[in-house]
Amino acid sequence: MKNQVDFELIKSRTSLRQIEVLYMVYETKSISEAAAKLNMTTANVSRMCTRFEENCNFAVFISRRKGVRFTEMGMDVISKIAPLANCIGNLGKNEGV
């Protein structure tokens, strides 16, 4: 039987910043590149991802020397948060228009 992601649990324990960080790690496939793009330290991005995984009770990605690889359950999460993460990324882009 395939493990199911408890999206209600994730929704109740996740901040918008965690979603933004996790999605940037997904886009860049790298914790250090995500940190640079978000103007954060690598340690802080890593800590936020660890906290997200602890709240979800499963591994979202596997970290390797050449970057990260998302697990099957991690990809389920990404598919759900992608629209919200894109909205977060677009906030403020139309300022001054």
C-alpha atoms as a PDB file:
ATOM      1  CA  MET A   1       0.000   0.000   0.000  1.00  0.00           C
ATOM      2  CA  LYS A   2       1.358   3.406  -0.986  1.00  0.00           C
ATOM      3  CA  ASN A   3       2.008   5.869   1.814  1.00  0.00           C
ATOM      4  CA  GLN A   4      -0.342   8.818   1.742  1.00  0.00           C
ATOM      5  CA  VAL A   5       0.642  12.393   2.497  1.00  0.00           C
ATOM      6  CA  ASP A   6      -1.461  13.936   5.274  1.00  0.00           C
ATOM      7  CA  PHE A   7      -2.022  17.363   3.724  1.00  0.00           C
ATOM      8  CA  GLU A   8      -4.230  18.499   6.612  1.00  0.00           C
ATOM      9  CA  LEU A   9      -1.316  17.900   8.983  1.00  0.00           C
ATOM     10  CA  ILE A  10       1.055  19.767   6.681  1.00  0.00           C
ATOM     11  CA  LYS A  11      -1.388  22.657   6.307  1.00  0.00           C
ATOM     12  CA  SER A  12      -1.750  23.014  10.073  1.00  0.00           C
ATOM     13  CA  ARG A  13       2.008  23.027  10.734  1.00  0.00           C
ATOM     14  CA  THR A  14       3.541  24.882   7.795  1.00  0.00           C
ATOM     15  CA  SER A  15       4.315  28.565   7.292  1.00  0.00           C
ATOM     16  CA  LEU A  16       4.354  30.390   3.968  1.00  0.00           C
ATOM     17  CA  ARG A  17       8.100  30.917   4.396  1.00  0.00           C
ATOM     18  CA  GLN A  18       8.648  27.162   4.735  1.00  0.00           C
ATOM     19  CA  ILE A  19       6.684  26.614   1.524  1.00  0.00           C
ATOM     20  CA  GLU A  20       8.760  29.250  -0.263  1.00  0.00           C
ATOM     21  CA  VAL A  21      12.012  27.721   0.985  1.00  0.00           C
ATOM     22  CA  LEU A  22      11.038  24.136   0.205  1.00  0.00           C
ATOM     23  CA  TYR A  23       9.902  25.061  -3.296  1.00  0.00           C
ATOM     24  CA  MET A  24      13.126  26.971  -3.986  1.00  0.00           C
ATOM     25  CA  VAL A  25      15.106  23.890  -2.920  1.00  0.00           C
ATOM     26  CA  TYR A  26      12.983  21.904  -5.368  1.00  0.00           C
ATOM     27  CA  GLU A  27      13.576  24.398  -8.203  1.00  0.00           C
ATOM     28  CA  THR A  28      17.325  24.655  -7.669  1.00  0.00           C
ATOM     29  CA  LYS A  29      17.867  21.047  -6.511  1.00  0.00           C
ATOM     30  CA  SER A  30      20.340  22.559  -4.044  1.00  0.00           C
ATOM     31  CA  ILE A  31      20.109  23.842  -0.484  1.00  0.00           C
ATOM     32  CA  SER A  32      23.004  26.270  -0.992  1.00  0.00           C
ATOM     33  CA  GLU A  33      21.593  27.662  -4.264  1.00  0.00           C
ATOM     34  CA  ALA A  34      18.160  28.048  -2.681  1.00  0.00           C
ATOM     35  CA  ALA A  35      19.760  29.895   0.223  1.00  0.00           C
ATOM     36  CA  ALA A  36      21.565  32.280  -2.127  1.00  0.00           C
ATOM     37  CA  LYS A  37      18.399  33.009  -4.139  1.00  0.00           C
ATOM     38  CA  LEU A  38      16.390  33.614  -0.952  1.00  0.00           C
ATOM     39  CA  ASN A  39      19.146  35.712   0.672  1.00  0.00           C
ATOM     40  CA  MET A  40      19.352  33.251   3.573  1.00  0.00           C
ATOM     41  CA  THR A  41      22.143  31.194   5.081  1.00  0.00           C
ATOM     42  CA  THR A  42      22.528  27.588   4.014  1.00  0.00           C
ATOM     43  CA  ALA A  43      22.179  26.545   7.657  1.00  0.00           C
ATOM     44  CA  ASN A  44      18.853  28.362   7.969  1.00  0.00           C
ATOM     45  CA  VAL A  45      17.441  26.780   4.793  1.00  0.00           C
ATOM     46  CA  SER A  46      18.593  23.364   5.961  1.00  0.00           C
ATOM     47  CA  ARG A  47      17.027  23.932   9.387  1.00  0.00           C
ATOM     48  CA  MET A  48      13.697  25.006   7.855  1.00  0.00           C
ATOM     49  CA  CYS A  49      13.633  21.928   5.623  1.00  0.00           C
ATOM     50  CA  THR A  50      14.427  19.672   8.574  1.00  0.00           C
ATOM     51  CA  ARG A  51      11.650  21.265  10.606  1.00  0.00           C
ATOM     52  CA  PHE A  52       9.234  20.792   7.699  1.00  0.00           C
ATOM     53  CA  GLU A  53      10.157  17.108   7.474  1.00  0.00           C
ATOM     54  CA  GLU A  54       9.767  16.670  11.233  1.00  0.00           C
ATOM     55  CA  ASN A  55       6.313  18.247  11.084  1.00  0.00           C
ATOM     56  CA  CYS A  56       5.316  15.959   8.194  1.00  0.00           C
ATOM     57  CA  ASN A  57       6.798  12.810   9.733  1.00  0.00           C
ATOM     58  CA  PHE A  58       8.511  11.749   6.485  1.00  0.00           C
ATOM     59  CA  ALA A  59      11.551  12.600   4.367  1.00  0.00           C
ATOM     60  CA  VAL A  60      10.763  15.145   1.662  1.00  0.00           C
ATOM     61  CA  PHE A  61      14.109  14.846  -0.091  1.00  0.00           C
ATOM     62  CA  ILE A  62      17.423  13.073   0.128  1.00  0.00           C
ATOM     63  CA  SER A  63      20.467  15.304   0.313  1.00  0.00           C
ATOM     64  CA  ARG A  64      23.503  14.226  -1.679  1.00  0.00           C
ATOM     65  CA  ARG A  65      26.844  15.779  -2.485  1.00  0.00           C
ATOM     66  CA  LYS A  66      25.585  16.823  -5.943  1.00  0.00           C
ATOM     67  CA  GLY A  67      22.305  18.281  -4.691  1.00  0.00           C
ATOM     68  CA  VAL A  68      18.988  16.968  -3.483  1.00  0.00           C
ATOM     69  CA  ARG A  69      16.566  14.394  -4.848  1.00  0.00           C
ATOM     70  CA  PHE A  70      12.938  14.581  -3.784  1.00  0.00           C
ATOM     71  CA  THR A  71      11.231  11.436  -2.527  1.00  0.00           C
ATOM     72  CA  GLU A  72       7.940  10.212  -3.973  1.00  0.00           C
ATOM     73  CA  MET A  73       6.064  11.718  -1.028  1.00  0.00           C
ATOM     74  CA  GLY A  74       8.131  14.884  -1.393  1.00  0.00           C
ATOM     75  CA  MET A  75       7.014  15.169  -5.007  1.00  0.00           C
ATOM     76  CA  ASP A  76       3.389  14.787  -3.852  1.00  0.00           C
ATOM     77  CA  VAL A  77       3.960  17.759  -1.539  1.00  0.00           C
ATOM     78  CA  ILE A  78       5.616  19.803  -4.301  1.00  0.00           C
ATOM     79  CA  SER A  79       2.702  19.167  -6.664  1.00  0.00           C
ATOM     80  CA  LYS A  80       0.312  20.596  -4.075  1.00  0.00           C
ATOM     81  CA  ILE A  81       2.388  23.582  -2.946  1.00  0.00           C
ATOM     82  CA  ALA A  82       3.657  24.672  -6.399  1.00  0.00           C
ATOM     83  CA  PRO A  83       0.730  27.032  -7.161  1.00  0.00           C
ATOM     84  CA  LEU A  84       1.011  28.681  -3.746  1.00  0.00           C
ATOM     85  CA  ALA A  85       4.806  28.905  -3.964  1.00  0.00           C
ATOM     86  CA  ASN A  86       4.520  30.607  -7.356  1.00  0.00           C
ATOM     87  CA  CYS A  87       2.038  33.118  -5.911  1.00  0.00           C
ATOM     88  CA  ILE A  88       4.394  33.828  -3.011  1.00  0.00           C
ATOM     89  CA  GLY A  89       7.242  34.341  -5.485  1.00  0.00           C
ATOM     90  CA  ASN A  90       5.160  36.807  -7.493  1.00  0.00           C
ATOM     91  CA  LEU A  91       4.252  38.983  -4.508  1.00  0.00           C
ATOM     92  CA  GLY A  92       5.731  42.421  -4.931  1.00  0.00           C
ATOM     93  CA  LYS A  93       6.740  41.908  -8.576  1.00  0.00           C
ATOM     94  CA  ASN A  94       4.105  44.367  -9.788  1.00  0.00           C
ATOM     95  CA  GLU A  95       5.023  47.142  -7.362  1.00  0.00           C
ATOM     96  CA  GLY A  96       5.050  50.562  -8.915  1.00  0.00           C
ATOM     97  CA  VAL A  97       2.831  49.570 -11.817  1.00  0.00           C
END
